[in-house]
Amino acid sequence: MGEERRTAPRFTIDQMVDLEFGRESVIHASGINVSTSGLLCKADYYMEPDTEVSLVMTIPSESGDHTVSCDGIVVRCDKGKGRHLTAIRFTSLADKDVGALSAFLEGCQAV
């Protein structure tokens, strides 16, 4: 087995995520699990590792829905039949989004 590279615990989610890459390419993906350092999702489109992406997802918070917008890099994309398992490492996440994401993850099931 490979060496564990995760830097933060992962939590199961059922969340739609918009991934943007290039200037005007948007992919709708389905979140599988998330942490404060990255996201695993299923997407209809294959993305090469090292592709830079911007992502947007909405999570519930005490004050209503919170939109998390950040940048990331594709670290793995496993080709599948119709959907591709895509792992993204966050490269920039605002402090307010880290706080909202951390609070949201407290109520999620750890993987």
Protein backbone atom coordinates (compact mmCIF):
# COMPACT_ATOMS: atom_id res chain seq x y z
CA MET A 1 0.00 0.00 0.00
CA GLY A 2 1.09 3.58 -0.58
CA GLU A 3 2.13 5.97 2.13
CA GLU A 4 -0.67 8.05 3.68
CA ARG A 5 -0.32 11.64 2.43
CA ARG A 6 -3.38 13.22 4.01
CA THR A 7 -2.63 16.15 6.26
CA ALA A 8 -6.11 16.48 7.77
CA PRO A 9 -8.94 14.06 8.59
CA ARG A 10 -11.56 13.54 5.86
CA PHE A 11 -15.31 13.72 6.36
CA THR A 12 -18.08 12.22 4.25
CA ILE A 13 -20.22 14.73 2.33
CA ASP A 14 -22.97 14.63 -0.26
CA GLN A 15 -22.38 17.99 -1.86
CA MET A 16 -22.41 19.44 -5.36
CA VAL A 17 -19.24 21.37 -6.23
CA ASP A 18 -18.42 23.60 -9.20
CA LEU A 19 -14.86 23.24 -10.50
CA GLU A 20 -13.44 25.87 -12.82
CA PHE A 21 -10.27 25.51 -14.84
CA GLY A 22 -8.94 27.39 -17.79
CA ARG A 23 -10.67 30.67 -18.43
CA GLU A 24 -14.26 29.58 -18.90
CA SER A 25 -14.52 25.84 -18.28
CA VAL A 26 -16.87 24.82 -15.47
CA ILE A 27 -17.43 21.25 -14.32
CA HIS A 28 -20.18 20.20 -11.95
CA ALA A 29 -18.92 17.52 -9.58
CA SER A 30 -20.32 15.50 -6.70
CA GLY A 31 -18.37 15.75 -3.44
CA ILE A 32 -17.49 12.50 -1.68
CA ASN A 33 -15.34 13.66 1.20
CA VAL A 34 -13.68 16.87 2.31
CA SER A 35 -11.19 18.19 4.84
CA THR A 36 -9.68 21.57 5.52
CA SER A 37 -6.88 20.62 3.12
CA GLY A 38 -8.70 19.03 0.20
CA LEU A 39 -11.67 17.47 -1.55
CA LEU A 40 -12.45 14.14 -3.20
CA CYS A 41 -15.19 14.30 -5.82
CA LYS A 42 -16.64 12.52 -8.84
CA ALA A 43 -16.70 14.47 -12.09
CA ASP A 44 -17.86 13.70 -15.62
CA TYR A 45 -14.67 15.20 -17.03
CA TYR A 46 -11.13 13.80 -16.66
CA MET A 47 -8.61 16.36 -15.38
CA GLU A 48 -4.88 15.83 -15.63
CA PRO A 49 -2.94 15.81 -12.34
CA ASP A 50 -1.36 19.20 -11.60
CA THR A 51 -4.31 21.02 -13.22
CA GLU A 52 -5.05 24.21 -11.29
CA VAL A 53 -8.73 24.64 -10.43
CA SER A 54 -10.98 27.05 -8.60
CA LEU A 55 -13.87 25.54 -6.73
CA VAL A 56 -17.08 26.73 -5.18
CA MET A 57 -19.31 24.84 -2.76
CA THR A 58 -22.04 25.92 -0.40
CA ILE A 59 -22.12 24.53 3.14
CA PRO A 60 -24.60 25.13 5.94
CA SER A 61 -23.51 27.34 8.83
CA GLU A 62 -25.12 28.73 11.98
CA SER A 63 -25.84 32.01 10.17
CA GLY A 64 -27.19 30.35 6.99
CA ASP A 65 -25.50 28.98 3.91
CA HIS A 66 -21.80 29.79 3.51
CA THR A 67 -20.13 29.77 0.10
CA VAL A 68 -16.58 28.44 0.14
CA SER A 69 -14.49 29.63 -2.81
CA CYS A 70 -10.88 28.54 -3.13
CA ASP A 71 -8.13 27.41 -5.44
CA GLY A 72 -6.66 23.94 -5.61
CA ILE A 73 -4.61 21.54 -7.65
CA VAL A 74 -5.65 18.13 -8.96
CA VAL A 75 -3.43 15.55 -7.28
CA ARG A 76 -5.14 12.46 -8.69
CA CYS A 77 -7.84 11.67 -11.23
CA ASP A 78 -8.80 8.03 -11.68
CA LYS A 79 -10.55 7.32 -14.96
CA GLY A 80 -13.85 5.59 -14.49
CA LYS A 81 -16.85 4.64 -16.58
CA GLY A 82 -18.67 7.93 -17.00
CA ARG A 83 -17.36 9.53 -13.78
CA HIS A 84 -13.82 10.19 -12.64
CA LEU A 85 -12.67 10.09 -9.02
CA THR A 86 -10.78 13.36 -8.59
CA ALA A 87 -8.67 14.39 -5.58
CA ILE A 88 -7.97 18.11 -5.15
CA ARG A 89 -5.56 19.69 -2.66
CA PHE A 90 -6.56 23.20 -1.60
CA THR A 91 -3.83 25.74 -2.33
CA SER A 92 -5.63 28.83 -1.05
CA LEU A 93 -8.48 28.95 1.42
CA ALA A 94 -9.47 32.18 3.19
CA ASP A 95 -9.45 32.16 7.01
CA LYS A 96 -13.22 32.77 7.09
CA ASP A 97 -13.72 29.72 4.86
CA VAL A 98 -11.41 27.56 6.99
CA GLY A 99 -13.48 28.51 10.06
CA ALA A 100 -16.81 27.80 8.35
CA LEU A 101 -15.50 24.53 6.89
CA SER A 102 -14.11 23.41 10.26
CA ALA A 103 -17.44 24.16 11.98
CA PHE A 104 -19.33 22.27 9.24
CA LEU A 105 -17.01 19.25 9.50
CA GLU A 106 -17.66 18.92 13.24
CA GLY A 107 -21.11 17.59 12.34
CA CYS A 108 -19.95 15.22 9.59
CA GLN A 109 -18.98 11.56 9.73
CA ALA A 110 -15.22 10.91 9.59
CA VAL A 111 -13.97 8.61 6.82
